[in-house]
Amino acid sequence: MDLTAIDFPKDVFWVNMAHGTAGVGWIYAILYQAAGEQRYLDAAADAARYIEGIAVGDDEAALVPYLDSLERGPSTEFYYLSWCHGPAGRLFCSRPCTGSRGRRSTSIG
């Protein structure tokens, strides 16, 4: 999505559920479930690793910035807690990656 249309700098992108990396990772996880092709699971895992890499927190809890920038890095001024850019959406994203016994094979959020 070209965020310059709504006055964001050119190098900025969203990373969460509604229109970002977590949502794309979720779609790849769904594709993996439907098709069973490893490339889809790999793409979902790549999305999860990226999100975990920019998360701010510790072993108990973490928040993910709603924006990232190739030039300035993740935005840490504030964090959304909603579905579209917050933990609620990322929790939703992790469901397709949960195995049949409830163990997570990879994490999207």
PDB file of N, CA and C in Angstrom:
ATOM      1  N   MET A   1       0.839  -1.173   0.000  1.00  0.00           N
ATOM      2  CA  MET A   1       0.000   0.000   0.000  1.00  0.00           C
ATOM      3  C   MET A   1       0.888   1.242   0.000  1.00  0.00           C
ATOM      4  N   ASP A   2       0.591   2.172  -0.864  1.00  0.00           N
ATOM      5  CA  ASP A   2       1.354   3.407  -0.962  1.00  0.00           C
ATOM      6  C   ASP A   2       0.846   4.406   0.078  1.00  0.00           C
ATOM      7  N   LEU A   3       1.583   4.532   1.163  1.00  0.00           N
ATOM      8  CA  LEU A   3       1.156   5.401   2.259  1.00  0.00           C
ATOM      9  C   LEU A   3       1.400   6.878   1.989  1.00  0.00           C
ATOM     10  N   THR A   4       2.122   7.187   0.906  1.00  0.00           N
ATOM     11  CA  THR A   4       2.321   8.601   0.584  1.00  0.00           C
ATOM     12  C   THR A   4       0.990   9.263   0.216  1.00  0.00           C
ATOM     13  N   ALA A   5       0.004   8.486  -0.198  1.00  0.00           N
ATOM     14  CA  ALA A   5      -1.313   9.034  -0.534  1.00  0.00           C
ATOM     15  C   ALA A   5      -2.006   9.644   0.685  1.00  0.00           C
ATOM     16  N   ILE A   6      -1.590   9.226   1.883  1.00  0.00           N
ATOM     17  CA  ILE A   6      -2.171   9.797   3.107  1.00  0.00           C
ATOM     18  C   ILE A   6      -1.092  10.484   3.944  1.00  0.00           C
ATOM     19  N   ASP A   7      -0.114  11.065   3.256  1.00  0.00           N
ATOM     20  CA  ASP A   7       0.914  11.925   3.840  1.00  0.00           C
ATOM     21  C   ASP A   7       1.932  11.233   4.741  1.00  0.00           C
ATOM     22  N   PHE A   8       2.162   9.945   4.562  1.00  0.00           N
ATOM     23  CA  PHE A   8       3.257   9.271   5.259  1.00  0.00           C
ATOM     24  C   PHE A   8       4.505   9.351   4.388  1.00  0.00           C
ATOM     25  N   PRO A   9       5.692   9.363   4.982  1.00  0.00           N
ATOM     26  CA  PRO A   9       6.919   9.357   4.181  1.00  0.00           C
ATOM     27  C   PRO A   9       6.990   8.098   3.297  1.00  0.00           C
ATOM     28  N   LYS A  10       7.704   8.190   2.209  1.00  0.00           N
ATOM     29  CA  LYS A  10       7.770   7.112   1.212  1.00  0.00           C
ATOM     30  C   LYS A  10       8.304   5.795   1.773  1.00  0.00           C
ATOM     31  N   ASP A  11       9.212   5.828   2.735  1.00  0.00           N
ATOM     32  CA  ASP A  11       9.850   4.600   3.219  1.00  0.00           C
ATOM     33  C   ASP A  11       9.108   3.937   4.381  1.00  0.00           C
ATOM     34  N   VAL A  12       7.920   4.399   4.732  1.00  0.00           N
ATOM     35  CA  VAL A  12       7.173   3.893   5.884  1.00  0.00           C
ATOM     36  C   VAL A  12       6.172   2.830   5.439  1.00  0.00           C
ATOM     37  N   PHE A  13       6.043   1.771   6.240  1.00  0.00           N
ATOM     38  CA  PHE A  13       5.044   0.743   5.954  1.00  0.00           C
ATOM     39  C   PHE A  13       4.461   0.202   7.246  1.00  0.00           C
ATOM     40  N   TRP A  14       3.239  -0.317   7.149  1.00  0.00           N
ATOM     41  CA  TRP A  14       2.548  -0.905   8.291  1.00  0.00           C
ATOM     42  C   TRP A  14       2.990  -2.348   8.476  1.00  0.00           C
ATOM     43  N   VAL A  15       2.972  -2.810   9.715  1.00  0.00           N
ATOM     44  CA  VAL A  15       3.474  -4.160   9.986  1.00  0.00           C
ATOM     45  C   VAL A  15       2.441  -5.079  10.641  1.00  0.00           C
ATOM     46  N   ASN A  16       1.247  -4.607  10.911  1.00  0.00           N
ATOM     47  CA  ASN A  16       0.306  -5.409  11.688  1.00  0.00           C
ATOM     48  C   ASN A  16      -0.801  -6.021  10.834  1.00  0.00           C
ATOM     49  N   MET A  17      -1.893  -6.392  11.453  1.00  0.00           N
ATOM     50  CA  MET A  17      -2.918  -7.214  10.824  1.00  0.00           C
ATOM     51  C   MET A  17      -3.658  -6.565   9.667  1.00  0.00           C
ATOM     52  N   ALA A  18      -4.192  -5.390   9.870  1.00  0.00           N
ATOM     53  CA  ALA A  18      -5.142  -4.821   8.907  1.00  0.00           C
ATOM     54  C   ALA A  18      -4.559  -4.655   7.508  1.00  0.00           C
ATOM     55  N   HIS A  19      -3.376  -4.131   7.388  1.00  0.00           N
ATOM     56  CA  HIS A  19      -2.779  -3.922   6.073  1.00  0.00           C
ATOM     57  C   HIS A  19      -1.260  -3.998   6.174  1.00  0.00           C
ATOM     58  N   GLY A  20      -0.779  -4.983   6.878  1.00  0.00           N
ATOM     59  CA  GLY A  20       0.664  -5.083   7.072  1.00  0.00           C
ATOM     60  C   GLY A  20       1.182  -6.502   7.065  1.00  0.00           C
ATOM     61  N   THR A  21       2.380  -6.643   7.572  1.00  0.00           N
ATOM     62  CA  THR A  21       3.100  -7.902   7.565  1.00  0.00           C
ATOM     63  C   THR A  21       2.344  -9.019   8.271  1.00  0.00           C
ATOM     64  N   ALA A  22       1.738  -8.739   9.412  1.00  0.00           N
ATOM     65  CA  ALA A  22       1.006  -9.780  10.142  1.00  0.00           C
ATOM     66  C   ALA A  22      -0.160 -10.312   9.313  1.00  0.00           C
ATOM     67  N   GLY A  23      -0.886  -9.423   8.649  1.00  0.00           N
ATOM     68  CA  GLY A  23      -2.002  -9.853   7.807  1.00  0.00           C
ATOM     69  C   GLY A  23      -1.544 -10.688   6.627  1.00  0.00           C
ATOM     70  N   VAL A  24      -0.444 -10.289   6.018  1.00  0.00           N
ATOM     71  CA  VAL A  24       0.106 -11.065   4.905  1.00  0.00           C
ATOM     72  C   VAL A  24       0.582 -12.432   5.408  1.00  0.00           C
ATOM     73  N   GLY A  25       1.241 -12.442   6.565  1.00  0.00           N
ATOM     74  CA  GLY A  25       1.668 -13.717   7.152  1.00  0.00           C
ATOM     75  C   GLY A  25       0.496 -14.628   7.444  1.00  0.00           C
ATOM     76  N   TRP A  26      -0.608 -14.050   7.917  1.00  0.00           N
ATOM     77  CA  TRP A  26      -1.817 -14.816   8.194  1.00  0.00           C
ATOM     78  C   TRP A  26      -2.350 -15.464   6.918  1.00  0.00           C
ATOM     79  N   ILE A  27      -2.378 -14.713   5.829  1.00  0.00           N
ATOM     80  CA  ILE A  27      -2.839 -15.263   4.550  1.00  0.00           C
ATOM     81  C   ILE A  27      -1.934 -16.414   4.115  1.00  0.00           C
ATOM     82  N   TYR A  28      -0.625 -16.259   4.271  1.00  0.00           N
ATOM     83  CA  TYR A  28       0.283 -17.351   3.919  1.00  0.00           C
ATOM     84  C   TYR A  28       0.032 -18.584   4.782  1.00  0.00           C
ATOM     85  N   ALA A  29      -0.270 -18.390   6.055  1.00  0.00           N
ATOM     86  CA  ALA A  29      -0.575 -19.527   6.931  1.00  0.00           C
ATOM     87  C   ALA A  29      -1.855 -20.235   6.479  1.00  0.00           C
ATOM     88  N   ILE A  30      -2.861 -19.467   6.074  1.00  0.00           N
ATOM     89  CA  ILE A  30      -4.103 -20.040   5.550  1.00  0.00           C
ATOM     90  C   ILE A  30      -3.820 -20.807   4.262  1.00  0.00           C
ATOM     91  N   LEU A  31      -3.010 -20.240   3.383  1.00  0.00           N
ATOM     92  CA  LEU A  31      -2.641 -20.932   2.145  1.00  0.00           C
ATOM     93  C   LEU A  31      -1.909 -22.242   2.442  1.00  0.00           C
ATOM     94  N   TYR A  32      -1.040 -22.215   3.447  1.00  0.00           N
ATOM     95  CA  TYR A  32      -0.344 -23.449   3.824  1.00  0.00           C
ATOM     96  C   TYR A  32      -1.328 -24.518   4.283  1.00  0.00           C
ATOM     97  N   GLN A  33      -2.289 -24.117   5.106  1.00  0.00           N
ATOM     98  CA  GLN A  33      -3.299 -25.071   5.571  1.00  0.00           C
ATOM     99  C   GLN A  33      -4.087 -25.657   4.408  1.00  0.00           C
ATOM    100  N   ALA A  34      -4.404 -24.837   3.431  1.00  0.00           N
ATOM    101  CA  ALA A  34      -5.219 -25.280   2.302  1.00  0.00           C
ATOM    102  C   ALA A  34      -4.425 -26.112   1.298  1.00  0.00           C
ATOM    103  N   ALA A  35      -3.202 -25.683   1.011  1.00  0.00           N
ATOM    104  CA  ALA A  35      -2.426 -26.319  -0.058  1.00  0.00           C
ATOM    105  C   ALA A  35      -1.344 -27.265   0.447  1.00  0.00           C
ATOM    106  N   GLY A  36      -0.919 -27.060   1.690  1.00  0.00           N
ATOM    107  CA  GLY A  36       0.136 -27.907   2.245  1.00  0.00           C
ATOM    108  C   GLY A  36       1.513 -27.662   1.660  1.00  0.00           C
ATOM    109  N   GLU A  37       1.684 -26.546   0.961  1.00  0.00           N
ATOM    110  CA  GLU A  37       2.985 -26.255   0.344  1.00  0.00           C
ATOM    111  C   GLU A  37       3.895 -25.537   1.329  1.00  0.00           C
ATOM    112  N   GLN A  38       5.077 -26.074   1.509  1.00  0.00           N
ATOM    113  CA  GLN A  38       6.042 -25.559   2.472  1.00  0.00           C
ATOM    114  C   GLN A  38       6.374 -24.089   2.252  1.00  0.00           C
ATOM    115  N   ARG A  39       6.383 -23.640   1.015  1.00  0.00           N
ATOM    116  CA  ARG A  39       6.738 -22.238   0.730  1.00  0.00           C
ATOM    117  C   ARG A  39       5.798 -21.263   1.435  1.00  0.00           C
ATOM    118  N   TYR A  40       4.529 -21.649   1.605  1.00  0.00           N
ATOM    119  CA  TYR A  40       3.590 -20.775   2.296  1.00  0.00           C
ATOM    120  C   TYR A  40       3.876 -20.721   3.798  1.00  0.00           C
ATOM    121  N   LEU A  41       4.203 -21.859   4.370  1.00  0.00           N
ATOM    122  CA  LEU A  41       4.556 -21.873   5.791  1.00  0.00           C
ATOM    123  C   LEU A  41       5.851 -21.102   6.020  1.00  0.00           C
ATOM    124  N   ASP A  42       6.804 -21.256   5.108  1.00  0.00           N
ATOM    125  CA  ASP A  42       8.058 -20.505   5.219  1.00  0.00           C
ATOM    126  C   ASP A  42       7.805 -18.995   5.180  1.00  0.00           C
ATOM    127  N   ALA A  43       6.919 -18.551   4.291  1.00  0.00           N
ATOM    128  CA  ALA A  43       6.603 -17.119   4.191  1.00  0.00           C
ATOM    129  C   ALA A  43       5.916 -16.636   5.467  1.00  0.00           C
ATOM    130  N   ALA A  44       5.010 -17.445   6.022  1.00  0.00           N
ATOM    131  CA  ALA A  44       4.350 -17.078   7.279  1.00  0.00           C
ATOM    132  C   ALA A  44       5.367 -16.982   8.406  1.00  0.00           C
ATOM    133  N   ALA A  45       6.297 -17.922   8.461  1.00  0.00           N
ATOM    134  CA  ALA A  45       7.338 -17.902   9.495  1.00  0.00           C
ATOM    135  C   ALA A  45       8.260 -16.696   9.327  1.00  0.00           C
ATOM    136  N   ASP A  46       8.573 -16.332   8.086  1.00  0.00           N
ATOM    137  CA  ASP A  46       9.388 -15.133   7.838  1.00  0.00           C
ATOM    138  C   ASP A  46       8.691 -13.885   8.366  1.00  0.00           C
ATOM    139  N   ALA A  47       7.390 -13.789   8.134  1.00  0.00           N
ATOM    140  CA  ALA A  47       6.616 -12.649   8.648  1.00  0.00           C
ATOM    141  C   ALA A  47       6.681 -12.620  10.173  1.00  0.00           C
ATOM    142  N   ALA A  48       6.521 -13.783  10.796  1.00  0.00           N
ATOM    143  CA  ALA A  48       6.559 -13.863  12.264  1.00  0.00           C
ATOM    144  C   ALA A  48       7.924 -13.448  12.804  1.00  0.00           C
ATOM    145  N   ARG A  49       8.985 -13.910  12.167  1.00  0.00           N
ATOM    146  CA  ARG A  49      10.341 -13.544  12.621  1.00  0.00           C
ATOM    147  C   ARG A  49      10.572 -12.040  12.505  1.00  0.00           C
ATOM    148  N   TYR A  50      10.103 -11.458  11.406  1.00  0.00           N
ATOM    149  CA  TYR A  50      10.253 -10.011  11.243  1.00  0.00           C
ATOM    150  C   TYR A  50       9.525  -9.263  12.364  1.00  0.00           C
ATOM    151  N   ILE A  51       8.272  -9.643  12.620  1.00  0.00           N
ATOM    152  CA  ILE A  51       7.484  -8.978  13.658  1.00  0.00           C
ATOM    153  C   ILE A  51       8.136  -9.155  15.024  1.00  0.00           C
ATOM    154  N   GLU A  52       8.588 -10.365  15.328  1.00  0.00           N
ATOM    155  CA  GLU A  52       9.268 -10.602  16.604  1.00  0.00           C
ATOM    156  C   GLU A  52      10.553  -9.795  16.707  1.00  0.00           C
ATOM    157  N   GLY A  53      11.189  -9.549  15.567  1.00  0.00           N
ATOM    158  CA  GLY A  53      12.439  -8.799  15.548  1.00  0.00           C
ATOM    159  C   GLY A  53      12.284  -7.318  15.866  1.00  0.00           C
ATOM    160  N   ILE A  54      11.113  -6.757  15.598  1.00  0.00           N
ATOM    161  CA  ILE A  54      10.920  -5.333  15.895  1.00  0.00           C
ATOM    162  C   ILE A  54      10.085  -5.119  17.156  1.00  0.00           C
ATOM    163  N   ALA A  55       9.638  -6.195  17.787  1.00  0.00           N
ATOM    164  CA  ALA A  55       8.823  -6.078  19.004  1.00  0.00           C
ATOM    165  C   ALA A  55       9.641  -5.473  20.139  1.00  0.00           C
ATOM    166  N   VAL A  56       8.956  -4.729  20.990  1.00  0.00           N
ATOM    167  CA  VAL A  56       9.571  -4.082  22.138  1.00  0.00           C
ATOM    168  C   VAL A  56       8.969  -4.699  23.394  1.00  0.00           C
ATOM    169  N   GLY A  57       9.804  -5.250  24.262  1.00  0.00           N
ATOM    170  CA  GLY A  57       9.310  -5.858  25.496  1.00  0.00           C
ATOM    171  C   GLY A  57      10.293  -6.865  26.048  1.00  0.00           C
ATOM    172  N   ASP A  58       9.745  -7.891  26.707  1.00  0.00           N
ATOM    173  CA  ASP A  58      10.579  -8.918  27.325  1.00  0.00           C
ATOM    174  C   ASP A  58       9.908 -10.279  27.150  1.00  0.00           C
ATOM    175  N   ASP A  59      10.339 -11.275  27.936  1.00  0.00           N
ATOM    176  CA  ASP A  59       9.767 -12.619  27.823  1.00  0.00           C
ATOM    177  C   ASP A  59       8.313 -12.690  28.278  1.00  0.00           C
ATOM    178  N   GLU A  60       7.870 -11.728  29.051  1.00  0.00           N
ATOM    179  CA  GLU A  60       6.505 -11.725  29.578  1.00  0.00           C
ATOM    180  C   GLU A  60       5.503 -11.061  28.638  1.00  0.00           C
ATOM    181  N   ALA A  61       5.915 -10.000  27.980  1.00  0.00           N
ATOM    182  CA  ALA A  61       4.998  -9.262  27.113  1.00  0.00           C
ATOM    183  C   ALA A  61       5.796  -8.403  26.136  1.00  0.00           C
ATOM    184  N   ALA A  62       5.181  -8.129  24.996  1.00  0.00           N
ATOM    185  CA  ALA A  62       5.827  -7.287  23.993  1.00  0.00           C
ATOM    186  C   ALA A  62       4.767  -6.557  23.189  1.00  0.00           C
ATOM    187  N   LEU A  63       5.135  -5.399  22.712  1.00  0.00           N
ATOM    188  CA  LEU A  63       4.298  -4.630  21.803  1.00  0.00           C
ATOM    189  C   LEU A  63       5.035  -4.478  20.487  1.00  0.00           C
ATOM    190  N   VAL A  64       4.274  -4.403  19.415  1.00  0.00           N
ATOM    191  CA  VAL A  64       4.858  -4.250  18.089  1.00  0.00           C
ATOM    192  C   VAL A  64       4.501  -2.858  17.573  1.00  0.00           C
ATOM    193  N   PRO A  65       5.490  -2.105  17.114  1.00  0.00           N
ATOM    194  CA  PRO A  65       5.191  -0.795  16.542  1.00  0.00           C
ATOM    195  C   PRO A  65       4.209  -0.930  15.378  1.00  0.00           C
ATOM    196  N   TYR A  66       3.398   0.080  15.178  1.00  0.00           N
ATOM    197  CA  TYR A  66       2.427  -0.002  14.087  1.00  0.00           C
ATOM    198  C   TYR A  66       3.036   0.393  12.753  1.00  0.00           C
ATOM    199  N   LEU A  67       4.180   1.066  12.765  1.00  0.00           N
ATOM    200  CA  LEU A  67       4.874   1.456  11.540  1.00  0.00           C
ATOM    201  C   LEU A  67       6.337   1.050  11.615  1.00  0.00           C
ATOM    202  N   ASP A  68       6.921   0.799  10.453  1.00  0.00           N
ATOM    203  CA  ASP A  68       8.360   0.605  10.359  1.00  0.00           C
ATOM    204  C   ASP A  68       8.849   1.482   9.218  1.00  0.00           C
ATOM    205  N   SER A  69      10.111   1.824   9.270  1.00  0.00           N
ATOM    206  CA  SER A  69      10.705   2.688   8.254  1.00  0.00           C
ATOM    207  C   SER A  69      12.056   2.114   7.863  1.00  0.00           C
ATOM    208  N   LEU A  70      12.304   2.035   6.586  1.00  0.00           N
ATOM    209  CA  LEU A  70      13.599   1.546   6.116  1.00  0.00           C
ATOM    210  C   LEU A  70      14.732   2.482   6.520  1.00  0.00           C
ATOM    211  N   GLU A  71      14.426   3.772   6.640  1.00  0.00           N
ATOM    212  CA  GLU A  71      15.446   4.760   6.984  1.00  0.00           C
ATOM    213  C   GLU A  71      15.570   5.004   8.481  1.00  0.00           C
ATOM    214  N   ARG A  72      14.446   5.036   9.214  1.00  0.00           N
ATOM    215  CA  ARG A  72      14.451   5.413  10.631  1.00  0.00           C
ATOM    216  C   ARG A  72      14.206   4.262  11.592  1.00  0.00           C
ATOM    217  N   GLY A  73      13.808   3.124  11.099  1.00  0.00           N
ATOM    218  CA  GLY A  73      13.500   1.993  11.975  1.00  0.00           C
ATOM    219  C   GLY A  73      12.067   2.048  12.473  1.00  0.00           C
ATOM    220  N   PRO A  74      11.691   1.116  13.339  1.00  0.00           N
ATOM    221  CA  PRO A  74      10.310   1.055  13.843  1.00  0.00           C
ATOM    222  C   PRO A  74       9.907   2.299  14.625  1.00  0.00           C
ATOM    223  N   SER A  75       8.644   2.637  14.509  1.00  0.00           N
ATOM    224  CA  SER A  75       8.066   3.751  15.249  1.00  0.00           C
ATOM    225  C   SER A  75       7.778   3.297  16.682  1.00  0.00           C
ATOM    226  N   THR A  76       8.305   4.010  17.654  1.00  0.00           N
ATOM    227  CA  THR A  76       8.076   3.624  19.055  1.00  0.00           C
ATOM    228  C   THR A  76       7.451   4.755  19.871  1.00  0.00           C
ATOM    229  N   GLU A  77       6.868   5.741  19.199  1.00  0.00           N
ATOM    230  CA  GLU A  77       6.250   6.856  19.912  1.00  0.00           C
ATOM    231  C   GLU A  77       5.002   6.417  20.664  1.00  0.00           C
ATOM    232  N   PHE A  78       4.213   5.544  20.050  1.00  0.00           N
ATOM    233  CA  PHE A  78       3.002   5.017  20.685  1.00  0.00           C
ATOM    234  C   PHE A  78       2.651   3.690  20.027  1.00  0.00           C
ATOM    235  N   TYR A  79       1.775   2.950  20.672  1.00  0.00           N
ATOM    236  CA  TYR A  79       1.380   1.618  20.202  1.00  0.00           C
ATOM    237  C   TYR A  79      -0.138   1.506  20.226  1.00  0.00           C
ATOM    238  N   TYR A  80      -0.681   0.919  19.191  1.00  0.00           N
ATOM    239  CA  TYR A  80      -2.115   0.635  19.174  1.00  0.00           C
ATOM    240  C   TYR A  80      -2.365  -0.686  19.888  1.00  0.00           C
ATOM    241  N   LEU A  81      -3.501  -0.816  20.531  1.00  0.00           N
ATOM    242  CA  LEU A  81      -3.857  -2.044  21.237  1.00  0.00           C
ATOM    243  C   LEU A  81      -5.101  -2.695  20.628  1.00  0.00           C
ATOM    244  N   SER A  82      -5.459  -2.297  19.451  1.00  0.00           N
ATOM    245  CA  SER A  82      -6.691  -2.738  18.804  1.00  0.00           C
ATOM    246  C   SER A  82      -6.453  -3.924  17.871  1.00  0.00           C
ATOM    247  N   TRP A  83      -7.478  -4.236  17.097  1.00  0.00           N
ATOM    248  CA  TRP A  83      -7.421  -5.347  16.158  1.00  0.00           C
ATOM    249  C   TRP A  83      -6.521  -5.035  14.977  1.00  0.00           C
ATOM    250  N   CYS A  84      -6.663  -3.848  14.409  1.00  0.00           N
ATOM    251  CA  CYS A  84      -5.975  -3.565  13.148  1.00  0.00           C
ATOM    252  C   CYS A  84      -4.466  -3.404  13.292  1.00  0.00           C
ATOM    253  N   HIS A  85      -4.007  -2.810  14.368  1.00  0.00           N
ATOM    254  CA  HIS A  85      -2.569  -2.574  14.530  1.00  0.00           C
ATOM    255  C   HIS A  85      -2.065  -2.994  15.904  1.00  0.00           C
ATOM    256  N   GLY A  86      -2.789  -3.816  16.598  1.00  0.00           N
ATOM    257  CA  GLY A  86      -2.392  -4.167  17.953  1.00  0.00           C
ATOM    258  C   GLY A  86      -2.375  -5.659  18.215  1.00  0.00           C
ATOM    259  N   PRO A  87      -2.224  -6.031  19.470  1.00  0.00           N
ATOM    260  CA  PRO A  87      -2.107  -7.432  19.858  1.00  0.00           C
ATOM    261  C   PRO A  87      -3.334  -8.272  19.514  1.00  0.00           C
ATOM    262  N   ALA A  88      -4.518  -7.660  19.500  1.00  0.00           N
ATOM    263  CA  ALA A  88      -5.717  -8.436  19.175  1.00  0.00           C
ATOM    264  C   ALA A  88      -5.630  -9.016  17.762  1.00  0.00           C
ATOM    265  N   GLY A  89      -5.186  -8.224  16.823  1.00  0.00           N
ATOM    266  CA  GLY A  89      -5.023  -8.705  15.451  1.00  0.00           C
ATOM    267  C   GLY A  89      -3.922  -9.732  15.323  1.00  0.00           C
ATOM    268  N   ARG A  90      -2.809  -9.505  16.013  1.00  0.00           N
ATOM    269  CA  ARG A  90      -1.709 -10.476  15.924  1.00  0.00           C
ATOM    270  C   ARG A  90      -2.075 -11.792  16.592  1.00  0.00           C
ATOM    271  N   LEU A  91      -2.856 -11.754  17.650  1.00  0.00           N
ATOM    272  CA  LEU A  91      -3.325 -12.989  18.279  1.00  0.00           C
ATOM    273  C   LEU A  91      -4.195 -13.766  17.296  1.00  0.00           C
ATOM    274  N   PHE A  92      -5.066 -13.059  16.606  1.00  0.00           N
ATOM    275  CA  PHE A  92      -5.891 -13.675  15.572  1.00  0.00           C
ATOM    276  C   PHE A  92      -5.023 -14.316  14.504  1.00  0.00           C
ATOM    277  N   CYS A  93      -3.952 -13.657  14.133  1.00  0.00           N
ATOM    278  CA  CYS A  93      -3.043 -14.168  13.105  1.00  0.00           C
ATOM    279  C   CYS A  93      -2.366 -15.464  13.530  1.00  0.00           C
ATOM    280  N   SER A  94      -2.124 -15.642  14.809  1.00  0.00           N
ATOM    281  CA  SER A  94      -1.372 -16.822  15.251  1.00  0.00           C
ATOM    282  C   SER A  94      -2.207 -18.091  15.188  1.00  0.00           C
ATOM    283  N   ARG A  95      -3.525 -18.010  15.141  1.00  0.00           N
ATOM    284  CA  ARG A  95      -4.381 -19.188  15.155  1.00  0.00           C
ATOM    285  C   ARG A  95      -4.100 -20.168  14.017  1.00  0.00           C
ATOM    286  N   PRO A  96      -3.946 -19.724  12.761  1.00  0.00           N
ATOM    287  CA  PRO A  96      -3.695 -20.688  11.694  1.00  0.00           C
ATOM    288  C   PRO A  96      -2.387 -21.455  11.840  1.00  0.00           C
ATOM    289  N   CYS A  97      -1.479 -20.951  12.650  1.00  0.00           N
ATOM    290  CA  CYS A  97      -0.183 -21.600  12.818  1.00  0.00           C
ATOM    291  C   CYS A  97      -0.153 -22.530  14.021  1.00  0.00           C
ATOM    292  N   THR A  98      -1.286 -22.758  14.641  1.00  0.00           N
ATOM    293  CA  THR A  98      -1.350 -23.632  15.804  1.00  0.00           C
ATOM    294  C   THR A  98      -1.622 -25.048  15.340  1.00  0.00           C
ATOM    295  N   GLY A  99      -0.844 -25.978  15.817  1.00  0.00           N
ATOM    296  CA  GLY A  99      -1.022 -27.375  15.430  1.00  0.00           C
ATOM    297  C   GLY A  99      -2.275 -27.991  16.018  1.00  0.00           C
ATOM    298  N   SER A 100      -2.587 -29.195  15.616  1.00  0.00           N
ATOM    299  CA  SER A 100      -3.827 -29.854  16.036  1.00  0.00           C
ATOM    300  C   SER A 100      -3.873 -30.110  17.537  1.00  0.00           C
ATOM    301  N   ARG A 101      -2.732 -30.184  18.194  1.00  0.00           N
ATOM    302  CA  ARG A 101      -2.718 -30.401  19.655  1.00  0.00           C
ATOM    303  C   ARG A 101      -2.550 -29.095  20.411  1.00  0.00           C
ATOM    304  N   GLY A 102      -2.722 -27.970  19.711  1.00  0.00           N
ATOM    305  CA  GLY A 102      -2.669 -26.685  20.380  1.00  0.00           C
ATOM    306  C   GLY A 102      -1.264 -26.122  20.563  1.00  0.00           C
ATOM    307  N   ARG A 103      -0.273 -26.783  19.988  1.00  0.00           N
ATOM    308  CA  ARG A 103       1.083 -26.254  20.068  1.00  0.00           C
ATOM    309  C   ARG A 103       1.343 -25.392  18.852  1.00  0.00           C
ATOM    310  N   ARG A 104       2.037 -24.322  19.049  1.00  0.00           N
ATOM    311  CA  ARG A 104       2.340 -23.421  17.973  1.00  0.00           C
ATOM    312  C   ARG A 104       3.525 -23.951  17.181  1.00  0.00           C
ATOM    313  N   SER A 105       3.359 -24.074  15.853  1.00  0.00           N
ATOM    314  CA  SER A 105       4.472 -24.480  15.019  1.00  0.00           C
ATOM    315  C   SER A 105       5.281 -23.282  14.567  1.00  0.00           C
ATOM    316  N   THR A 106       4.650 -22.136  14.502  1.00  0.00           N
ATOM    317  CA  THR A 106       5.322 -20.866  14.257  1.00  0.00           C
ATOM    318  C   THR A 106       4.394 -19.787  14.772  1.00  0.00           C
ATOM    319  N   SER A 107       4.890 -18.608  14.901  1.00  0.00           N
ATOM    320  CA  SER A 107       4.079 -17.531  15.473  1.00  0.00           C
ATOM    321  C   SER A 107       3.959 -16.402  14.473  1.00  0.00           C
ATOM    322  N   ILE A 108       2.776 -15.850  14.336  1.00  0.00           N
ATOM    323  CA  ILE A 108       2.594 -14.674  13.503  1.00  0.00           C
ATOM    324  C   ILE A 108       2.496 -13.433  14.370  1.00  0.00           C
ATOM    325  N   GLY A 109       2.273 -13.523  15.593  1.00  0.00           N
ATOM    326  CA  GLY A 109       2.116 -12.322  16.411  1.00  0.00           C
ATOM    327  C   GLY A 109       2.392 -12.552  17.775  1.00  0.00           C
TER     328      GLY A 109
END
